[in-house]
C-alpha atoms as a PDB file:
ATOM      1  CA  MET A   1     -46.272 -18.692 -31.436  1.00  0.00           C
ATOM      2  CA  ILE A   2     -44.748 -15.636 -33.140  1.00  0.00           C
ATOM      3  CA  LEU A   3     -46.693 -13.283 -30.875  1.00  0.00           C
ATOM      4  CA  LEU A   4     -45.522 -15.135 -27.780  1.00  0.00           C
ATOM      5  CA  ALA A   5     -41.911 -15.035 -28.949  1.00  0.00           C
ATOM      6  CA  ALA A   6     -42.176 -11.295 -29.634  1.00  0.00           C
ATOM      7  CA  ALA A   7     -43.771 -10.632 -26.237  1.00  0.00           C
ATOM      8  CA  SER A   8     -41.062 -12.672 -24.502  1.00  0.00           C
ATOM      9  CA  ALA A   9     -38.347 -10.761 -26.365  1.00  0.00           C
ATOM     10  CA  GLY A  10     -39.930  -7.460 -25.344  1.00  0.00           C
ATOM     11  CA  PHE A  11     -40.150  -8.574 -21.717  1.00  0.00           C
ATOM     12  CA  VAL A  12     -36.498  -9.621 -21.579  1.00  0.00           C
ATOM     13  CA  ALA A  13     -35.248  -6.511 -23.389  1.00  0.00           C
ATOM     14  CA  SER A  14     -37.222  -4.170 -21.138  1.00  0.00           C
ATOM     15  CA  ALA A  15     -36.262  -6.009 -17.954  1.00  0.00           C
ATOM     16  CA  SER A  16     -32.576  -5.860 -18.831  1.00  0.00           C
ATOM     17  CA  LEU A  17     -32.828  -2.078 -19.112  1.00  0.00           C
ATOM     18  CA  ILE A  18     -34.951  -1.181 -16.089  1.00  0.00           C
ATOM     19  CA  ILE A  19     -33.562  -3.645 -13.523  1.00  0.00           C
ATOM     20  CA  ALA A  20     -30.148  -1.986 -13.686  1.00  0.00           C
ATOM     21  CA  ILE A  21     -29.591   0.302 -10.693  1.00  0.00           C
ATOM     22  CA  GLY A  22     -30.861   3.770 -11.463  1.00  0.00           C
ATOM     23  CA  ALA A  23     -32.064   6.948  -9.819  1.00  0.00           C
ATOM     24  CA  GLN A  24     -35.700   6.012 -10.337  1.00  0.00           C
ATOM     25  CA  ASN A  25     -35.219   2.556  -8.821  1.00  0.00           C
ATOM     26  CA  ALA A  26     -33.502   4.037  -5.774  1.00  0.00           C
ATOM     27  CA  TYR A  27     -36.443   6.381  -5.255  1.00  0.00           C
ATOM     28  CA  VAL A  28     -39.051   3.628  -5.614  1.00  0.00           C
ATOM     29  CA  LEU A  29     -37.124   1.455  -3.143  1.00  0.00           C
ATOM     30  CA  ARG A  30     -36.928   4.259  -0.593  1.00  0.00           C
ATOM     31  CA  GLN A  31     -40.639   4.995  -0.844  1.00  0.00           C
ATOM     32  CA  GLY A  32     -41.390   1.300  -0.496  1.00  0.00           C
ATOM     33  CA  LEU A  33     -39.286   1.021   2.641  1.00  0.00           C
ATOM     34  CA  GLN A  34     -41.096   3.953   4.229  1.00  0.00           C
ATOM     35  CA  ARG A  35     -44.510   2.878   2.906  1.00  0.00           C
ATOM     36  CA  ARG A  36     -45.169   6.359   1.529  1.00  0.00           C
ATOM     37  CA  HIS A  37     -47.696   6.362  -1.330  1.00  0.00           C
ATOM     38  CA  VAL A  38     -46.214   3.151  -2.745  1.00  0.00           C
ATOM     39  CA  GLY A  39     -49.144   2.558  -5.101  1.00  0.00           C
ATOM     40  CA  LEU A  40     -48.823   6.075  -6.516  1.00  0.00           C
ATOM     41  CA  VAL A  41     -45.066   5.701  -7.032  1.00  0.00           C
ATOM     42  CA  VAL A  42     -45.353   2.271  -8.650  1.00  0.00           C
ATOM     43  CA  ALA A  43     -48.211   3.353 -10.933  1.00  0.00           C
ATOM     44  CA  THR A  44     -46.508   6.605 -11.981  1.00  0.00           C
ATOM     45  CA  SER A  45     -43.191   4.888 -12.716  1.00  0.00           C
ATOM     46  CA  ALA A  46     -44.815   2.070 -14.675  1.00  0.00           C
ATOM     47  CA  LEU A  47     -47.143   4.379 -16.630  1.00  0.00           C
ATOM     48  CA  GLY A  48     -44.196   6.602 -17.554  1.00  0.00           C
ATOM     49  CA  ASP A  49     -42.392   3.600 -19.004  1.00  0.00           C
ATOM     50  CA  ILE A  50     -45.525   2.361 -20.765  1.00  0.00           C
ATOM     51  CA  LEU A  51     -46.018   5.760 -22.400  1.00  0.00           C
ATOM     52  CA  CYS A  52     -42.416   5.918 -23.619  1.00  0.00           C
ATOM     53  CA  ILE A  53     -42.412   2.303 -24.828  1.00  0.00           C
ATOM     54  CA  THR A  54     -45.665   2.816 -26.718  1.00  0.00           C
ATOM     55  CA  CYS A  55     -44.341   5.986 -28.338  1.00  0.00           C
ATOM     56  CA  GLY A  56     -41.106   4.232 -29.277  1.00  0.00           C
ATOM     57  CA  VAL A  57     -42.899   1.294 -30.896  1.00  0.00           C
ATOM     58  CA  ALA A  58     -45.175   3.736 -32.721  1.00  0.00           C
ATOM     59  CA  GLY A  59     -42.081   5.356 -34.244  1.00  0.00           C
ATOM     60  CA  ILE A  60     -41.921   8.572 -32.254  1.00  0.00           C
ATOM     61  CA  GLY A  61     -38.518   7.589 -30.866  1.00  0.00           C
ATOM     62  CA  ALA A  62     -36.974   8.286 -34.256  1.00  0.00           C
ATOM     63  CA  LEU A  63     -38.220  11.871 -34.060  1.00  0.00           C
ATOM     64  CA  VAL A  64     -36.780  12.328 -30.573  1.00  0.00           C
ATOM     65  CA  HIS A  65     -33.426  11.057 -31.820  1.00  0.00           C
ATOM     66  CA  GLN A  66     -33.491  13.725 -34.538  1.00  0.00           C
ATOM     67  CA  TRP A  67     -34.044  16.508 -31.996  1.00  0.00           C
ATOM     68  CA  PRO A  68     -30.749  16.707 -30.094  1.00  0.00           C
ATOM     69  CA  GLY A  69     -31.835  19.986 -28.519  1.00  0.00           C
ATOM     70  CA  LEU A  70     -34.643  18.216 -26.645  1.00  0.00           C
ATOM     71  CA  LEU A  71     -32.338  15.568 -25.217  1.00  0.00           C
ATOM     72  CA  GLN A  72     -29.757  18.176 -24.294  1.00  0.00           C
ATOM     73  CA  GLY A  73     -32.382  20.177 -22.455  1.00  0.00           C
ATOM     74  CA  LEU A  74     -33.396  17.050 -20.562  1.00  0.00           C
ATOM     75  CA  ARG A  75     -29.739  16.356 -19.926  1.00  0.00           C
ATOM     76  CA  PHE A  76     -29.156  19.612 -18.057  1.00  0.00           C
ATOM     77  CA  GLY A  77     -32.557  19.574 -16.372  1.00  0.00           C
ATOM     78  CA  GLY A  78     -31.990  16.012 -15.206  1.00  0.00           C
ATOM     79  CA  ALA A  79     -28.500  16.842 -13.959  1.00  0.00           C
ATOM     80  CA  ALA A  80     -29.856  19.754 -11.890  1.00  0.00           C
ATOM     81  CA  PHE A  81     -32.585  17.576 -10.407  1.00  0.00           C
ATOM     82  CA  LEU A  82     -30.160  14.760  -9.559  1.00  0.00           C
ATOM     83  CA  ALA A  83     -27.766  17.231  -7.941  1.00  0.00           C
ATOM     84  CA  ALA A  84     -30.544  18.671  -5.762  1.00  0.00           C
ATOM     85  CA  TYR A  85     -31.833  15.242  -4.748  1.00  0.00           C
ATOM     86  CA  GLY A  86     -28.296  13.986  -4.099  1.00  0.00           C
ATOM     87  CA  LEU A  87     -27.559  16.921  -1.804  1.00  0.00           C
ATOM     88  CA  MET A  88     -30.809  16.303   0.103  1.00  0.00           C
ATOM     89  CA  ALA A  89     -29.863  12.644   0.534  1.00  0.00           C
ATOM     90  CA  ALA A  90     -26.414  13.704   1.757  1.00  0.00           C
ATOM     91  CA  GLN A  91     -28.057  16.017   4.290  1.00  0.00           C
ATOM     92  CA  ARG A  92     -30.298  13.178   5.537  1.00  0.00           C
ATOM     93  CA  ALA A  93     -27.278  10.893   5.859  1.00  0.00           C
ATOM     94  CA  TRP A  94     -25.391  13.542   7.831  1.00  0.00           C
ATOM     95  CA  ARG A  95     -28.253  14.313  10.208  1.00  0.00           C
ATOM     96  CA  GLY A  96     -29.609  10.773  10.595  1.00  0.00           C
ATOM     97  CA  GLY A  97     -32.873  10.145  12.400  1.00  0.00           C
ATOM     98  CA  GLU A  98     -34.776   8.682   9.422  1.00  0.00           C
ATOM     99  CA  THR A  99     -37.453   6.141  10.422  1.00  0.00           C
ATOM    100  CA  LEU A 100     -39.742   3.569   8.879  1.00  0.00           C
ATOM    101  CA  ALA A 101     -42.885   5.284  10.126  1.00  0.00           C
ATOM    102  CA  PRO A 102     -44.955   6.689   7.237  1.00  0.00           C
ATOM    103  CA  ARG A 103     -45.681  10.391   7.448  1.00  0.00           C
ATOM    104  CA  SER A 104     -49.197  11.726   7.625  1.00  0.00           C
ATOM    105  CA  ASP A 105     -48.754  15.229   6.222  1.00  0.00           C
ATOM    106  CA  GLY A 106     -51.770  14.843   3.967  1.00  0.00           C
ATOM    107  CA  GLN A 107     -52.357  16.073   0.475  1.00  0.00           C
ATOM    108  CA  ALA A 108     -49.135  18.025   0.150  1.00  0.00           C
ATOM    109  CA  SER A 109     -47.163  14.847   0.804  1.00  0.00           C
ATOM    110  CA  TRP A 110     -48.629  12.860  -2.073  1.00  0.00           C
ATOM    111  CA  ARG A 111     -48.229  15.830  -4.377  1.00  0.00           C
ATOM    112  CA  ARG A 112     -44.523  16.091  -3.546  1.00  0.00           C
ATOM    113  CA  VAL A 113     -44.126  12.363  -4.052  1.00  0.00           C
ATOM    114  CA  LEU A 114     -45.917  12.534  -7.414  1.00  0.00           C
ATOM    115  CA  LEU A 115     -43.798  15.459  -8.637  1.00  0.00           C
ATOM    116  CA  ALA A 116     -40.566  13.752  -7.554  1.00  0.00           C
ATOM    117  CA  CYS A 117     -41.607  10.517  -9.232  1.00  0.00           C
ATOM    118  CA  LEU A 118     -42.492  12.336 -12.459  1.00  0.00           C
ATOM    119  CA  ALA A 119     -39.117  14.061 -12.379  1.00  0.00           C
ATOM    120  CA  PHE A 120     -37.280  10.757 -11.979  1.00  0.00           C
ATOM    121  CA  SER A 121     -39.384   9.261 -14.778  1.00  0.00           C
ATOM    122  CA  LEU A 122     -39.302  12.097 -17.301  1.00  0.00           C
ATOM    123  CA  LEU A 123     -36.250  14.269 -16.632  1.00  0.00           C
ATOM    124  CA  ASN A 124     -33.789  11.440 -17.209  1.00  0.00           C
ATOM    125  CA  PRO A 125     -32.789  11.529 -20.895  1.00  0.00           C
ATOM    126  CA  HIS A 126     -31.600   7.919 -20.693  1.00  0.00           C
ATOM    127  CA  VAL A 127     -35.236   6.894 -20.214  1.00  0.00           C
ATOM    128  CA  TYR A 128     -35.964   8.166 -23.712  1.00  0.00           C
ATOM    129  CA  LEU A 129     -32.837   6.608 -25.179  1.00  0.00           C
ATOM    130  CA  ASP A 130     -33.639   3.227 -23.616  1.00  0.00           C
ATOM    131  CA  THR A 131     -37.398   2.998 -24.038  1.00  0.00           C
ATOM    132  CA  MET A 132     -38.314   5.156 -27.009  1.00  0.00           C
ATOM    133  CA  ILE A 133     -35.231   4.695 -29.169  1.00  0.00           C
ATOM    134  CA  LEU A 134     -33.657   1.362 -28.195  1.00  0.00           C
ATOM    135  CA  LEU A 135     -36.839  -0.622 -27.528  1.00  0.00           C
ATOM    136  CA  GLY A 136     -38.546   1.147 -30.415  1.00  0.00           C
ATOM    137  CA  SER A 137     -35.741   0.066 -32.714  1.00  0.00           C
ATOM    138  CA  LEU A 138     -35.814  -3.519 -31.453  1.00  0.00           C
ATOM    139  CA  SER A 139     -39.555  -3.700 -32.043  1.00  0.00           C
ATOM    140  CA  THR A 140     -39.062  -3.097 -35.786  1.00  0.00           C
ATOM    141  CA  ARG A 141     -37.710  -6.641 -36.074  1.00  0.00           C
ATOM    142  CA  TYR A 142     -41.259  -7.875 -35.579  1.00  0.00           C
ATOM    143  CA  PRO A 143     -43.807  -7.145 -38.316  1.00  0.00           C
ATOM    144  CA  GLY A 144     -47.485  -6.386 -37.853  1.00  0.00           C
ATOM    145  CA  PRO A 145     -49.182  -7.492 -34.630  1.00  0.00           C
ATOM    146  CA  ALA A 146     -45.957  -9.056 -33.363  1.00  0.00           C
ATOM    147  CA  ARG A 147     -44.510  -5.561 -32.977  1.00  0.00           C
ATOM    148  CA  TRP A 148     -47.228  -4.650 -30.491  1.00  0.00           C
ATOM    149  CA  ALA A 149     -46.831  -8.001 -28.769  1.00  0.00           C
ATOM    150  CA  PHE A 150     -43.205  -6.940 -28.212  1.00  0.00           C
ATOM    151  CA  ALA A 151     -44.477  -3.677 -26.709  1.00  0.00           C
ATOM    152  CA  ILE A 152     -46.906  -5.509 -24.411  1.00  0.00           C
ATOM    153  CA  GLY A 153     -44.107  -7.769 -23.172  1.00  0.00           C
ATOM    154  CA  ALA A 154     -41.881  -4.746 -22.535  1.00  0.00           C
ATOM    155  CA  CYS A 155     -44.656  -2.952 -20.626  1.00  0.00           C
ATOM    156  CA  CYS A 156     -45.365  -6.046 -18.514  1.00  0.00           C
ATOM    157  CA  ALA A 157     -41.710  -6.174 -17.473  1.00  0.00           C
ATOM    158  CA  SER A 158     -41.909  -2.564 -16.289  1.00  0.00           C
ATOM    159  CA  VAL A 159     -45.113  -3.116 -14.290  1.00  0.00           C
ATOM    160  CA  LEU A 160     -43.744  -6.291 -12.711  1.00  0.00           C
ATOM    161  CA  TRP A 161     -40.402  -4.702 -11.798  1.00  0.00           C
ATOM    162  CA  PHE A 162     -41.740  -1.548 -10.189  1.00  0.00           C
ATOM    163  CA  SER A 163     -44.426  -3.523  -8.319  1.00  0.00           C
ATOM    164  CA  THR A 164     -41.812  -5.936  -7.011  1.00  0.00           C
ATOM    165  CA  LEU A 165     -39.441  -3.145  -6.037  1.00  0.00           C
ATOM    166  CA  GLY A 166     -42.068  -0.979  -4.352  1.00  0.00           C
ATOM    167  CA  TYR A 167     -44.075  -3.630  -2.536  1.00  0.00           C
ATOM    168  CA  GLY A 168     -41.197  -6.066  -2.046  1.00  0.00           C
ATOM    169  CA  ALA A 169     -39.233  -3.477  -0.077  1.00  0.00           C
ATOM    170  CA  ARG A 170     -41.169  -4.584   3.011  1.00  0.00           C
ATOM    171  CA  PHE A 171     -38.910  -7.635   3.238  1.00  0.00           C
ATOM    172  CA  LEU A 172     -36.006  -5.304   3.969  1.00  0.00           C
ATOM    173  CA  VAL A 173     -37.849  -3.611   6.834  1.00  0.00           C
ATOM    174  CA  PRO A 174     -36.009  -5.570   9.571  1.00  0.00           C
ATOM    175  CA  VAL A 175     -32.699  -4.253   8.241  1.00  0.00           C
ATOM    176  CA  PHE A 176     -33.898  -0.660   8.154  1.00  0.00           C
ATOM    177  CA  ARG A 177     -35.191  -0.631  11.705  1.00  0.00           C
ATOM    178  CA  ASP A 178     -31.617   0.338  12.529  1.00  0.00           C
ATOM    179  CA  PRO A 179     -31.137   4.104  11.929  1.00  0.00           C
ATOM    180  CA  LYS A 180     -27.576   3.377  10.779  1.00  0.00           C
ATOM    181  CA  ALA A 181     -28.960   1.454   7.810  1.00  0.00           C
ATOM    182  CA  TRP A 182     -30.839   4.578   6.721  1.00  0.00           C
ATOM    183  CA  ARG A 183     -27.697   6.665   6.928  1.00  0.00           C
ATOM    184  CA  VAL A 184     -25.851   4.130   4.776  1.00  0.00           C
ATOM    185  CA  LEU A 185     -28.699   4.069   2.246  1.00  0.00           C
ATOM    186  CA  ASP A 186     -28.940   7.850   2.058  1.00  0.00           C
ATOM    187  CA  ALA A 187     -25.170   8.211   1.765  1.00  0.00           C
ATOM    188  CA  SER A 188     -25.145   5.638  -1.053  1.00  0.00           C
ATOM    189  CA  VAL A 189     -28.033   7.395  -2.810  1.00  0.00           C
ATOM    190  CA  ALA A 190     -26.260  10.760  -2.477  1.00  0.00           C
ATOM    191  CA  VAL A 191     -23.064   9.413  -4.036  1.00  0.00           C
ATOM    192  CA  PHE A 192     -25.018   7.627  -6.773  1.00  0.00           C
ATOM    193  CA  MET A 193     -27.117  10.676  -7.681  1.00  0.00           C
ATOM    194  CA  LEU A 194     -24.135  13.030  -7.758  1.00  0.00           C
ATOM    195  CA  VAL A 195     -22.153  10.591  -9.907  1.00  0.00           C
ATOM    196  CA  LEU A 196     -25.076  10.349 -12.345  1.00  0.00           C
ATOM    197  CA  CYS A 197     -25.283  14.137 -12.378  1.00  0.00           C
ATOM    198  CA  SER A 198     -21.581  14.366 -13.224  1.00  0.00           C
ATOM    199  CA  LEU A 199     -21.905  11.775 -15.982  1.00  0.00           C
ATOM    200  CA  LEU A 200     -24.794  13.667 -17.559  1.00  0.00           C
ATOM    201  CA  LEU A 201     -22.776  16.896 -17.541  1.00  0.00           C
ATOM    202  CA  LEU A 202     -19.473  15.435 -18.693  1.00  0.00           C
ATOM    203  CA  HIS A 203     -20.696  13.032 -21.371  1.00  0.00           C
ATOM    204  CA  PRO A 204     -22.951  14.470 -24.110  1.00  0.00           C
ATOM    205  CA  LEU A 205     -25.794  12.250 -25.265  1.00  0.00           C
ATOM    206  CA  ASN A 206     -25.459  10.566 -28.618  1.00  0.00           C
END
């Protein structure tokens, strides 16, 4: 009963953090809509969360919190990446012509997708604050095996969310058959990414 309660608490805590709109979620949604290496994107995003959650529960999050230089480096690196991606999205919105047809540019395509997904997963300092530090801290309320039950629940929430977002995007396909919908999405993503970039630059991490 205690293990189930801890796992449920971990699931709810993790879900409340990852379901919020974020740069990573926007990327997973876009890949899902275009059916481009969805399995790779979902697996990479979920495994990144699982790694951070596991490290946080194991106590490594406390070390990260004590190294402000690391988070600050991620802060500026993440801001640069978000700015670049936001400008690319703005360019797509301006030009238009995006389609639902998956590209077939081979090995280079999946490598680009993997690198972009890793950047969204690992260059965002808030990922470490949320998963390693916040979830790691919450897990300390549960002693012994219950602590790892909390971690399992948190990891399950991540896997379920990214799978739903990536594979569930197909239900929005009818909307995105209209090229105008793509321009609206890309414009929204551009604004969102650039705002996140500004927030990272203007507000130091605590």
